[in-house]
Protein backbone atom coordinates (compact mmCIF):
# COMPACT_ATOMS: atom_id res chain seq x y z
CA MET A 1 -0.02 0.30 0.15
CA CYS A 2 2.92 2.15 0.46
CA CYS A 3 3.95 1.82 -2.88
CA PHE A 4 0.50 2.77 -4.36
CA SER A 5 0.42 5.88 -2.07
CA SER A 6 3.98 6.96 -3.73
CA GLN A 7 2.42 6.18 -7.17
CA HIS A 8 -0.35 8.54 -6.36
CA GLU A 9 1.79 11.34 -5.40
CA THR A 10 4.11 11.05 -8.40
CA LEU A 11 0.90 11.09 -10.89
CA TYR A 12 -0.22 14.23 -9.27
CA ALA A 13 3.13 15.92 -8.62
CA PRO A 14 3.54 17.47 -12.05
CA LEU A 15 0.29 19.69 -11.32
CA PHE A 16 1.57 21.09 -8.48
CA TRP A 17 5.45 21.44 -9.25
CA PRO A 18 5.73 22.46 -12.86
CA SER A 19 9.02 20.97 -14.36
CA LYS A 20 11.68 22.99 -15.49
CA ARG A 21 10.76 22.39 -19.19
CA HIS A 22 7.35 23.64 -18.31
CA HIS A 23 8.97 27.02 -17.15
CA LEU A 24 11.23 27.23 -20.25
CA ARG A 25 8.04 26.56 -22.42
CA LEU A 26 6.04 29.28 -20.46
CA SER A 27 8.86 31.78 -20.58
CA HIS A 28 9.26 30.95 -24.52
CA LEU A 29 5.76 31.40 -25.14
CA LYS A 30 5.87 34.72 -22.99
CA ARG A 31 9.08 35.92 -25.21
CA ARG A 32 7.19 34.84 -28.43
CA ARG A 33 3.86 36.76 -27.56
CA THR A 34 6.14 39.81 -26.70
CA GLN A 35 8.04 39.60 -30.11
CA LEU A 36 4.80 39.32 -32.00
CA LYS A 37 3.32 42.03 -30.24
CA GLU A 38 6.39 44.13 -30.85
CA ALA A 39 6.14 42.99 -34.40
CA ARG A 40 2.45 44.17 -34.86
CA GLN A 41 3.32 47.47 -33.55
CA ARG A 42 6.49 48.13 -35.48
CA LYS A 43 4.15 46.75 -38.88
CA ARG A 44 1.36 49.42 -37.65
CA MET A 45 4.16 52.33 -37.12
CA ILE A 46 5.37 51.65 -40.81
CA GLU A 47 1.78 51.70 -42.13
CA VAL A 48 1.10 55.04 -40.12
CA LYS A 49 4.32 56.39 -41.27
CA GLU A 50 3.40 55.76 -44.90
CA GLU A 51 -0.10 57.07 -44.49
CA ILE A 52 1.29 60.46 -42.82
CA LYS A 53 3.83 60.54 -45.82
CA MET A 54 1.02 60.39 -48.29
CA LYS A 55 -1.05 62.82 -46.60
CA ASN A 56 1.87 65.07 -46.32
CA LEU A 57 2.40 64.68 -50.35
CA LYS A 58 -1.26 65.51 -50.97
CA LEU A 59 -1.11 68.38 -48.85
CA TYR A 60 2.11 69.42 -50.57
CA MET A 61 0.64 69.37 -53.90
CA GLU A 62 -2.52 71.07 -53.04
CA ASN A 63 -0.61 74.04 -51.61
CA GLN A 64 1.49 74.19 -54.64
CA THR A 65 -1.88 74.47 -56.33
CA ILE A 66 -2.94 77.05 -54.05
CA ILE A 67 0.16 79.17 -54.46
CA GLU A 68 -0.17 79.17 -58.21
CA GLU A 69 -3.75 80.14 -58.20
CA ASN A 70 -2.73 82.78 -55.45
CA GLU A 71 0.01 83.98 -58.01
CA LYS A 72 -2.52 84.23 -61.04
CA LEU A 73 -4.85 86.23 -58.64
CA ARG A 74 -2.36 88.64 -57.75
CA LYS A 75 -1.12 89.18 -61.08
CA GLN A 76 -4.91 89.71 -62.12
CA ALA A 77 -5.18 92.18 -59.21
CA MET A 78 -2.26 94.11 -60.21
CA LEU A 79 -3.49 94.57 -63.74
CA LEU A 80 -7.27 95.57 -62.48
CA HIS A 81 -5.43 98.26 -60.07
CA LYS A 82 -3.17 99.67 -62.78
CA GLU A 83 -6.29 99.60 -65.01
CA ASN A 84 -8.23 101.49 -62.27
CA GLN A 85 -5.52 103.98 -61.73
CA ASP A 86 -5.42 105.04 -65.54
CA LEU A 87 -9.37 105.20 -65.83
CA MET A 88 -9.09 107.52 -62.67
CA THR A 89 -6.38 109.60 -64.47
CA GLN A 90 -8.49 109.73 -67.56
CA LEU A 91 -11.41 110.80 -65.63
CA GLN A 92 -9.63 113.45 -63.91
CA ILE A 93 -8.42 114.71 -67.11
CA LYS A 94 -11.95 114.99 -68.54
CA LEU A 95 -12.98 116.27 -65.35
CA SER A 96 -10.51 119.31 -65.56
CA GLU A 97 -11.18 119.82 -69.14
CA LEU A 98 -14.81 120.36 -68.18
CA ASN A 99 -14.15 122.54 -65.71
CA ASN A 100 -12.03 124.45 -67.88
CA ASN A 101 -14.73 124.60 -70.60
CA THR A 102 -17.49 125.67 -67.82
CA LYS A 103 -15.26 128.47 -66.62
CA ASN A 104 -14.43 129.59 -70.09
CA ASN A 105 -18.27 129.56 -71.22
CA ASN A 106 -18.97 131.68 -67.79
CA LYS A 107 -16.54 134.24 -68.91
CA LEU A 108 -17.89 134.59 -72.47
């Protein structure tokens, strides 16, 4: 009966005292999980960097288009300003001529 009880203890011993192999397996699994998690994080970081690069490129292109449009509008505004100044000068000349004519007519 003594032998039976010793066999009984050895059958359940691994449940209470895990073997060194079991500890190594757990350590390996934990290490592997950590490595996989880090690999996923690195992959996600690369994806995020690529997304940011693409957004940056799109914004750069949009900015270039806006700058070109702004230059066109600035040139157009300068031309309109010059035209406005020319028209104002012509108007002042005509008004001064009219004033001179009315003064001359009043004198007569």
